């Protein structure tokens, strides 16, 4: 056993050194600046609503462009605020978005007591509304054994209340602790490392606040289990869960006071992935950049917005428009409905096309395949395929896989590089 531990330790050391070959202080700083600039550029090219997660990452960074950040803050307070208010009026669940909005405002040291929603005839502050939403989530767990949304959003809600200095109801926290205990953080059949990570930050914040008086030992056990789950999810390449969950996982380990040796391999894996442009999606960068700077969302709690570096300047760059490839790739698209009925279609697409572009080409061929999409913070996602919906309210979604392997990227990010079968399956969670 001792020999195995030594071998694993030597492997980790060698692996870390291999990944850190180019990580001088100067190179690492350039990498962080590059990611920061990518986020700032995304503010100019983003489609849809302003992204509070991007704002949060910019504000947690060591480098700032206050003019751009202030412009984005104003968009959040107007466009995103109005969207959330509309959703609340229509009784649409927005727990995660409301939580991220409050964290984004807090990261800019904005007075949240001045932010109000007119949902009914009387106005309520953002934090009062978030507290009310979390009560609804808790009640839904009580009679349905699951949140109104999901445990990822539930965890974000607990985290946002706690970071903003609001005492979290013991029963709300208790439901999250029990979900950890019963291992309820799954997306389909796969454990959600993202959810464990956000739950870890949320429960650590509650523990630090001293507000959980129900049973102090339970929260320690839950945090211990979360840490075990995160570390056990680490792959041979250093990523925890997958490339896109590692940022939150490292944030959680940092927030929970883990030794740097416990996440250094994952930090190195993120640096390598960043240099290989794996994190080209702004949402992915927004969750990774804080971790690369050894920050976590818990840092928002003590943010003072004083003496910040304000020297980050955006370079003027012309947008790069990739030319379509002359090489065609055959793609089979298999659609599996909720009933189990399946249909298959074939389409030839230019190599390097996004999955979304491939689906557009297939739909234009008028062979019976149709789809609709909706927007999210991660980009567009499929909402309806061949006339059938997969709605969050029904706890269903369209699961995407390539040759049997689940995709970790969305329809606009995943690129078609070779012949393959894409399966789109109406799945419950």
Protein backbone atom coordinates (compact mmCIF):
# COMPACT_ATOMS: atom_id res chain seq x y z
CA UNK A 1 0.00 0.00 0.00
CA UNK A 2 2.80 2.40 0.92
CA UNK A 3 4.53 1.61 -2.35
CA UNK A 4 1.32 2.44 -4.26
CA UNK A 5 1.03 5.79 -2.47
CA UNK A 6 4.66 6.61 -3.31
CA UNK A 7 4.17 5.65 -6.97
CA UNK A 8 1.04 7.76 -7.24
CA UNK A 9 2.83 10.66 -5.57
CA UNK A 10 5.74 10.42 -8.03
CA UNK A 11 3.29 10.23 -10.93
CA UNK A 12 1.44 13.32 -9.72
CA UNK A 13 4.72 15.18 -9.34
CA UNK A 14 5.95 14.20 -12.80
CA UNK A 15 2.56 14.93 -14.36
CA UNK A 16 2.42 18.34 -12.72
CA UNK A 17 5.95 19.20 -13.89
CA UNK A 18 5.13 18.13 -17.44
CA UNK A 19 2.05 20.36 -17.54
CA UNK A 20 3.93 23.26 -15.95
CA UNK A 21 6.82 23.19 -18.42
CA UNK A 22 5.92 26.61 -19.86
CA UNK A 23 4.55 28.18 -16.67
CA UNK A 24 7.02 30.87 -15.76
CA UNK A 25 5.49 33.75 -13.82
CA UNK A 26 5.47 35.90 -16.95
CA UNK A 27 3.82 33.23 -19.10
CA UNK A 28 1.20 32.54 -16.46
CA UNK A 29 0.38 36.25 -16.14
CA UNK A 30 0.00 36.47 -19.93
CA UNK A 31 -2.38 33.52 -19.87
CA UNK A 32 -4.55 35.16 -17.20
CA UNK A 33 -4.54 38.46 -19.09
CA UNK A 34 -5.54 36.64 -22.28
CA UNK A 35 -8.52 34.98 -20.57
CA UNK A 36 -9.50 38.30 -19.02
CA UNK A 37 -9.43 39.98 -22.44
CA UNK A 38 -11.48 37.17 -23.97
CA UNK A 39 -14.17 37.80 -21.36
CA UNK A 40 -14.11 41.54 -22.04
CA UNK A 41 -14.34 40.94 -25.81
CA UNK A 42 -17.31 38.64 -25.20
CA UNK A 43 -19.21 41.60 -23.73
CA UNK A 44 -19.08 43.24 -27.16
CA UNK A 45 -20.11 40.16 -29.15
CA UNK A 46 -22.57 38.46 -26.78
CA UNK A 47 -26.01 37.55 -28.01
CA UNK A 48 -29.01 37.65 -25.73
CA UNK A 49 -28.92 38.74 -22.12
CA UNK A 50 -25.82 40.04 -20.29
CA UNK A 51 -24.14 37.22 -18.39
CA UNK A 52 -23.82 37.72 -14.60
CA UNK A 53 -21.28 34.88 -14.36
CA UNK A 54 -18.95 36.73 -16.74
CA UNK A 55 -19.32 39.89 -14.65
CA UNK A 56 -18.56 37.94 -11.49
CA UNK A 57 -15.34 36.55 -13.00
CA UNK A 58 -14.23 39.99 -14.20
CA UNK A 59 -14.78 41.45 -10.76
CA UNK A 60 -12.93 38.63 -8.99
CA UNK A 61 -9.95 39.05 -11.32
CA UNK A 62 -6.72 40.78 -10.37
CA UNK A 63 -6.88 42.89 -13.57
CA UNK A 64 -9.63 45.34 -14.48
CA UNK A 65 -11.06 47.63 -17.11
CA UNK A 66 -13.51 49.65 -15.05
CA UNK A 67 -15.13 51.35 -18.04
CA UNK A 68 -16.11 48.03 -19.64
CA UNK A 69 -17.12 46.52 -16.31
CA UNK A 70 -19.34 49.49 -15.46
CA UNK A 71 -21.00 49.34 -18.88
CA UNK A 72 -21.77 45.68 -18.30
CA UNK A 73 -23.05 46.37 -14.79
CA UNK A 74 -25.57 48.82 -16.23
CA UNK A 75 -26.75 46.21 -18.75
CA UNK A 76 -27.23 43.71 -15.93
CA UNK A 77 -29.26 46.23 -13.92
CA UNK A 78 -31.50 46.95 -16.90
CA UNK A 79 -31.76 44.07 -19.37
CA UNK A 80 -31.19 41.12 -17.01
CA UNK A 81 -33.19 42.75 -14.23
CA UNK A 82 -36.22 43.19 -16.50
CA UNK A 83 -35.95 39.60 -17.75
CA UNK A 84 -35.87 38.20 -14.21
CA UNK A 85 -38.78 40.42 -13.17
CA UNK A 86 -40.83 39.18 -16.12
CA UNK A 87 -40.04 35.55 -15.25
CA UNK A 88 -41.03 36.08 -11.61
CA UNK A 89 -44.33 37.64 -12.65
CA UNK A 90 -45.05 34.63 -14.85
CA UNK A 91 -44.12 32.19 -12.06
CA UNK A 92 -41.18 30.85 -14.05
CA UNK A 93 -38.36 29.44 -11.88
CA UNK A 94 -35.22 31.60 -12.05
CA UNK A 95 -33.41 30.66 -8.82
CA UNK A 96 -29.96 30.27 -10.38
CA UNK A 97 -30.19 33.42 -12.48
CA UNK A 98 -31.44 35.45 -9.51
CA UNK A 99 -28.58 34.12 -7.37
CA UNK A 100 -25.91 34.89 -9.99
CA UNK A 101 -27.39 38.37 -10.49
CA UNK A 102 -27.06 39.11 -6.77
CA UNK A 103 -23.47 37.77 -6.70
CA UNK A 104 -22.56 39.90 -9.73
CA UNK A 105 -23.94 43.06 -8.12
CA UNK A 106 -22.23 42.25 -4.82
CA UNK A 107 -18.91 41.75 -6.65
CA UNK A 108 -19.21 45.37 -7.84
CA UNK A 109 -19.95 46.51 -4.28
CA UNK A 110 -23.40 47.61 -5.40
CA UNK A 111 -25.98 48.29 -2.68
CA UNK A 112 -28.44 45.43 -3.14
CA UNK A 113 -30.93 47.09 -0.81
CA UNK A 114 -31.63 49.56 -3.64
CA UNK A 115 -32.42 46.79 -6.14
CA UNK A 116 -36.15 46.01 -6.16
CA UNK A 117 -38.56 43.88 -8.16
CA UNK A 118 -42.20 44.73 -8.82
CA UNK A 119 -43.63 41.23 -9.01
CA UNK A 120 -47.01 41.99 -7.50
CA UNK A 121 -48.40 45.37 -6.56
CA UNK A 122 -45.71 45.92 -3.93
CA UNK A 123 -41.98 46.07 -4.46
CA UNK A 124 -39.48 43.71 -2.81
CA UNK A 125 -35.70 43.90 -2.66
CA UNK A 126 -33.65 41.41 -4.66
CA UNK A 127 -32.46 39.59 -1.54
CA UNK A 128 -35.98 39.39 -0.09
CA UNK A 129 -37.12 37.91 -3.39
CA UNK A 130 -34.25 35.42 -3.39
CA UNK A 131 -35.08 34.36 0.16
CA UNK A 132 -38.72 33.84 -0.85
CA UNK A 133 -37.67 31.79 -3.90
CA UNK A 134 -35.46 29.59 -1.71
CA UNK A 135 -38.40 28.95 0.63
CA UNK A 136 -40.39 27.78 -2.39
CA UNK A 137 -37.50 25.52 -3.42
CA UNK A 138 -37.33 24.07 0.09
CA UNK A 139 -41.07 23.40 0.19
CA UNK A 140 -40.87 21.67 -3.18
CA UNK A 141 -38.14 19.37 -1.81
CA UNK A 142 -40.35 18.62 1.19
CA UNK A 143 -43.25 17.23 -0.85
CA UNK A 144 -41.54 16.18 -4.11
CA UNK A 145 -38.10 15.13 -2.80
CA UNK A 146 -36.45 17.43 -5.32
CA UNK A 147 -36.12 21.19 -5.83
CA UNK A 148 -38.37 23.26 -8.05
CA UNK A 149 -35.36 23.77 -10.33
CA UNK A 150 -32.38 21.53 -9.49
CA UNK A 151 -29.75 21.22 -6.77
CA UNK A 152 -27.22 23.26 -8.76
CA UNK A 153 -29.54 26.28 -8.70
CA UNK A 154 -30.59 25.49 -5.13
CA UNK A 155 -26.90 25.55 -4.08
CA UNK A 156 -26.36 28.85 -5.91
CA UNK A 157 -29.31 30.31 -4.01
CA UNK A 158 -27.88 29.27 -0.62
CA UNK A 159 -24.45 30.60 -1.63
CA UNK A 160 -25.83 33.96 -2.82
CA UNK A 161 -27.87 34.55 0.34
CA UNK A 162 -24.94 33.65 2.58
CA UNK A 163 -22.36 35.71 0.67
CA UNK A 164 -24.69 38.71 0.88
CA UNK A 165 -24.89 38.38 4.66
CA UNK A 166 -28.44 37.01 4.77
CA UNK A 167 -29.05 34.28 7.33
CA UNK A 168 -30.05 31.11 5.50
CA UNK A 169 -33.04 29.30 6.99
CA UNK A 170 -31.82 26.17 8.84
CA UNK A 171 -34.39 24.05 7.00
CA UNK A 172 -33.12 25.33 3.63
CA UNK A 173 -29.55 24.39 4.56
CA UNK A 174 -30.69 21.06 6.02
CA UNK A 175 -32.33 20.05 2.74
CA UNK A 176 -29.03 20.68 0.93
CA UNK A 177 -27.06 18.69 3.51
CA UNK A 178 -29.47 15.76 3.13
CA UNK A 179 -29.14 15.92 -0.65
CA UNK A 180 -25.37 15.55 -0.25
CA UNK A 181 -25.84 12.68 2.19
CA UNK A 182 -28.19 10.82 -0.18
CA UNK A 183 -26.05 11.59 -3.25
CA UNK A 184 -28.89 13.31 -5.11
CA UNK A 185 -26.60 15.41 -7.32
CA UNK A 186 -27.02 13.63 -10.62
CA UNK A 187 -27.64 14.64 -14.19
CA UNK A 188 -29.17 11.55 -15.70
CA UNK A 189 -27.03 8.67 -14.46
CA UNK A 190 -23.89 10.79 -14.04
CA UNK A 191 -22.92 12.57 -10.85
CA UNK A 192 -22.85 16.35 -11.31
CA UNK A 193 -19.44 17.58 -10.14
CA UNK A 194 -20.56 21.15 -10.83
CA UNK A 195 -23.36 20.72 -8.31
CA UNK A 196 -21.09 19.20 -5.67
CA UNK A 197 -18.71 22.13 -6.18
CA UNK A 198 -21.32 24.87 -5.76
CA UNK A 199 -22.89 23.00 -2.81
CA UNK A 200 -19.43 22.86 -1.22
CA UNK A 201 -18.98 26.62 -1.50
CA UNK A 202 -22.51 27.23 -0.23
CA UNK A 203 -22.18 24.98 2.83
CA UNK A 204 -18.70 26.31 3.62
CA UNK A 205 -20.11 29.85 3.60
CA UNK A 206 -22.96 28.81 5.92
CA UNK A 207 -20.51 27.06 8.24
CA UNK A 208 -18.21 30.11 8.36
CA UNK A 209 -21.19 32.35 9.15
CA UNK A 210 -22.08 30.22 12.19
CA UNK A 211 -25.77 30.49 11.30
CA UNK A 212 -26.51 26.76 11.04
CA UNK A 213 -27.63 25.76 14.52
CA UNK A 214 -29.47 22.55 13.67
CA UNK A 215 -26.54 20.12 13.94
CA UNK A 216 -23.00 21.39 13.43
CA UNK A 217 -21.59 17.89 12.86
CA UNK A 218 -23.86 17.31 9.83
CA UNK A 219 -22.43 20.23 7.90
CA UNK A 220 -18.89 18.98 8.51
CA UNK A 221 -19.82 15.51 7.29
CA UNK A 222 -21.44 16.97 4.18
CA UNK A 223 -18.37 19.08 3.40
CA UNK A 224 -16.12 16.08 3.92
CA UNK A 225 -18.24 14.01 1.52
CA UNK A 226 -18.23 16.78 -1.08
CA UNK A 227 -14.44 17.03 -0.93
CA UNK A 228 -14.16 13.26 -1.36
CA UNK A 229 -16.50 13.34 -4.36
CA UNK A 230 -14.51 16.13 -6.03
CA UNK A 231 -11.14 14.45 -5.53
CA UNK A 232 -12.50 11.03 -6.57
CA UNK A 233 -13.76 12.52 -9.84
CA UNK A 234 -10.26 13.52 -10.94
CA UNK A 235 -9.27 11.94 -14.24
CA UNK A 236 -5.77 10.87 -15.27
CA UNK A 237 -5.32 14.18 -17.12
CA UNK A 238 -6.02 16.14 -13.91
CA UNK A 239 -9.51 17.42 -14.72
CA UNK A 240 -12.26 16.84 -12.19
CA UNK A 241 -15.46 15.57 -13.79
CA UNK A 242 -14.60 17.06 -17.18
CA UNK A 243 -12.80 20.11 -18.58
CA UNK A 244 -15.79 22.34 -17.92
CA UNK A 245 -16.48 21.35 -14.30
CA UNK A 246 -12.86 21.60 -13.10
CA UNK A 247 -12.97 25.37 -12.53
CA UNK A 248 -15.86 25.17 -10.08
CA UNK A 249 -14.38 22.07 -8.45
CA UNK A 250 -11.06 23.82 -7.79
CA UNK A 251 -12.93 26.89 -6.53
CA UNK A 252 -14.76 24.66 -4.06
CA UNK A 253 -11.55 23.01 -2.82
CA UNK A 254 -9.99 26.46 -2.34
CA UNK A 255 -13.10 27.70 -0.51
CA UNK A 256 -13.08 24.63 1.76
CA UNK A 257 -9.48 25.29 2.77
CA UNK A 258 -7.85 22.37 0.97
CA UNK A 259 -4.08 22.17 0.72
CA UNK A 260 -2.73 23.39 -2.60
CA UNK A 261 -1.21 19.96 -3.24
CA UNK A 262 -4.75 18.56 -3.45
CA UNK A 263 -5.68 20.66 -6.48
CA UNK A 264 -2.32 21.60 -8.08
CA UNK A 265 -2.62 18.88 -10.75
CA UNK A 266 -6.09 20.15 -11.66
CA UNK A 267 -4.76 23.73 -11.83
CA UNK A 268 -2.09 22.55 -14.25
CA UNK A 269 -4.71 20.74 -16.34
CA UNK A 270 -6.78 23.93 -16.57
CA UNK A 271 -3.75 25.95 -17.67
CA UNK A 272 -3.03 23.42 -20.41
CA UNK A 273 -6.67 23.42 -21.52
CA UNK A 274 -6.73 27.23 -21.55
CA UNK A 275 -3.62 27.35 -23.74
CA UNK A 276 -5.29 24.88 -26.12
CA UNK A 277 -8.36 27.18 -26.35
CA UNK A 278 -10.67 24.61 -24.79
CA UNK A 279 -12.36 27.39 -22.81
CA UNK A 280 -13.54 29.47 -25.77
CA UNK A 281 -17.09 29.70 -24.38
CA UNK A 282 -17.36 32.84 -22.13
CA UNK A 283 -19.31 30.87 -19.51
CA UNK A 284 -16.53 28.29 -19.32
CA UNK A 285 -13.89 31.01 -18.92
CA UNK A 286 -15.98 32.74 -16.26
CA UNK A 287 -15.90 29.63 -14.04
CA UNK A 288 -12.25 28.82 -14.75
CA UNK A 289 -10.54 32.22 -14.43
CA UNK A 290 -11.28 32.71 -10.70
CA UNK A 291 -9.89 29.24 -9.95
CA UNK A 292 -6.72 29.95 -11.96
CA UNK A 293 -6.22 33.02 -9.76
CA UNK A 294 -6.86 30.93 -6.63
CA UNK A 295 -10.12 32.71 -5.97
CA UNK A 296 -13.57 31.34 -5.22
CA UNK A 297 -17.05 32.86 -5.17
CA UNK A 298 -16.73 33.14 -1.38
CA UNK A 299 -14.31 36.03 -1.93
CA UNK A 300 -17.27 38.16 -3.02
CA UNK A 301 -18.36 38.33 0.62
CA UNK A 302 -15.43 40.53 1.65
CA UNK A 303 -15.05 42.47 -1.62
CA UNK A 304 -14.28 46.14 -1.03
CA UNK A 305 -13.56 47.35 -4.59
CA UNK A 306 -10.63 49.50 -3.41
CA UNK A 307 -7.18 50.02 -4.94
CA UNK A 308 -7.93 47.79 -7.92
CA UNK A 309 -5.60 47.48 -10.89
CA UNK A 310 -7.34 49.34 -13.72
CA UNK A 311 -4.73 49.00 -16.46
CA UNK A 312 -6.29 46.28 -18.60
CA UNK A 313 -6.59 47.60 -22.15
CA UNK A 314 -8.35 45.75 -24.95
CA UNK A 315 -6.44 45.36 -28.19
CA UNK A 316 -8.27 46.37 -31.36
CA UNK A 317 -8.78 43.13 -33.27
CA UNK A 318 -10.69 42.31 -36.42
CA UNK A 319 -13.13 39.44 -35.98
CA UNK A 320 -11.82 36.18 -37.43
CA UNK A 321 -14.36 34.61 -39.75
CA UNK A 322 -13.43 30.96 -40.42
CA UNK A 323 -13.84 29.91 -44.04
CA UNK A 324 -15.93 26.79 -44.64
CA UNK A 325 -13.84 23.70 -45.38
CA UNK A 326 -13.97 22.05 -48.79
CA UNK A 327 -13.83 18.68 -47.04
CA UNK A 328 -17.25 17.18 -46.36
CA UNK A 329 -17.99 14.96 -43.37
CA UNK A 330 -20.93 12.53 -43.19
CA UNK A 331 -23.00 12.85 -40.03
CA UNK A 332 -25.82 10.55 -38.99
CA UNK A 333 -28.30 12.25 -36.65
CA UNK A 334 -30.37 9.85 -34.57
CA UNK A 335 -33.39 11.21 -32.69
CA UNK A 336 -34.84 9.17 -29.82
CA UNK A 337 -38.22 10.39 -28.55
CA UNK A 338 -39.52 10.03 -24.99
CA UNK A 339 -41.55 7.01 -26.12
CA UNK A 340 -38.39 5.29 -27.33
CA UNK A 341 -39.31 5.72 -31.01
CA UNK A 342 -36.21 6.53 -33.08
CA UNK A 343 -35.49 8.06 -36.47
CA UNK A 344 -32.17 8.52 -38.26
CA UNK A 345 -31.05 11.06 -40.85
CA UNK A 346 -27.80 11.66 -42.72
CA UNK A 347 -26.28 14.96 -43.77
CA UNK A 348 -22.89 15.95 -45.21
CA UNK A 349 -21.39 19.05 -43.60
CA UNK A 350 -18.15 21.00 -44.07
CA UNK A 351 -15.45 19.71 -41.72
CA UNK A 352 -15.21 21.95 -38.66
CA UNK A 353 -18.90 22.92 -38.69
CA UNK A 354 -20.61 23.30 -35.35
CA UNK A 355 -23.29 20.78 -34.44
CA UNK A 356 -25.81 23.64 -34.64
CA UNK A 357 -24.75 24.37 -38.23
CA UNK A 358 -25.07 20.66 -39.04
CA UNK A 359 -28.61 20.58 -37.61
CA UNK A 360 -29.51 23.72 -39.59
CA UNK A 361 -28.32 22.05 -42.80
CA UNK A 362 -30.28 18.91 -41.98
CA UNK A 363 -33.46 20.87 -41.27
CA UNK A 364 -33.13 22.76 -44.58
CA UNK A 365 -33.15 19.45 -46.48
CA UNK A 366 -36.83 18.95 -45.52
CA UNK A 367 -36.42 15.27 -44.67
CA UNK A 368 -38.67 15.38 -41.60
CA UNK A 369 -36.12 16.63 -39.09
CA UNK A 370 -37.06 19.84 -37.28
CA UNK A 371 -35.77 21.56 -34.17
CA UNK A 372 -36.14 24.68 -32.08
CA UNK A 373 -33.62 26.19 -29.69
CA UNK A 374 -33.59 28.54 -26.71
CA UNK A 375 -30.84 30.66 -25.24
CA UNK A 376 -28.98 30.10 -21.96
CA UNK A 377 -25.87 31.47 -20.28
CA UNK A 378 -23.90 28.65 -21.95
CA UNK A 379 -25.34 29.43 -25.38
CA UNK A 380 -28.23 27.92 -27.35
CA UNK A 381 -29.70 24.57 -26.38
CA UNK A 382 -32.30 22.33 -28.01
CA UNK A 383 -35.82 22.79 -26.67
CA UNK A 384 -37.90 20.98 -29.30
CA UNK A 385 -36.95 18.24 -31.78
CA UNK A 386 -39.35 16.76 -34.34
CA UNK A 387 -42.23 18.51 -32.61
CA UNK A 388 -41.51 17.10 -29.13
CA UNK A 389 -40.43 19.29 -26.22
CA UNK A 390 -38.01 18.46 -23.44
CA UNK A 391 -38.90 20.99 -20.78
CA UNK A 392 -37.29 21.75 -17.42
CA UNK A 393 -40.76 21.84 -15.88
CA UNK A 394 -41.10 18.15 -16.84
CA UNK A 395 -37.51 17.46 -15.72
CA UNK A 396 -36.52 16.47 -19.24
CA UNK A 397 -33.79 17.60 -21.64
CA UNK A 398 -32.30 16.61 -24.99
CA UNK A 399 -29.19 14.57 -24.20
CA UNK A 400 -26.49 14.80 -26.88
CA UNK A 401 -23.88 12.14 -27.58
CA UNK A 402 -21.39 11.34 -30.32
CA UNK A 403 -20.83 7.66 -31.09
CA UNK A 404 -22.20 6.86 -27.63
CA UNK A 405 -20.06 9.39 -25.71
CA UNK A 406 -21.92 12.25 -23.99
CA UNK A 407 -21.01 15.69 -25.27
CA UNK A 408 -19.55 18.15 -22.77
CA UNK A 409 -20.14 21.11 -25.10
CA UNK A 410 -23.33 22.67 -26.41
CA UNK A 411 -24.66 22.63 -29.97
CA UNK A 412 -22.87 25.84 -30.97
CA UNK A 413 -19.52 24.84 -29.43
CA UNK A 414 -19.14 21.19 -30.47
CA UNK A 415 -17.30 20.91 -33.83
CA UNK A 416 -17.76 18.14 -36.38
CA UNK A 417 -14.28 16.98 -37.38
CA UNK A 418 -14.95 13.41 -38.51
CA UNK A 419 -17.74 11.04 -39.58
CA UNK A 420 -19.87 10.20 -36.56
CA UNK A 421 -23.34 9.44 -35.25
CA UNK A 422 -24.93 12.19 -33.17
CA UNK A 423 -27.72 10.93 -30.90
CA UNK A 424 -30.33 13.39 -29.62
CA UNK A 425 -32.35 11.66 -26.90
CA UNK A 426 -35.27 12.99 -24.87
CA UNK A 427 -34.02 12.21 -21.37
CA UNK A 428 -35.35 12.58 -17.84
CA UNK A 429 -33.34 13.76 -14.84
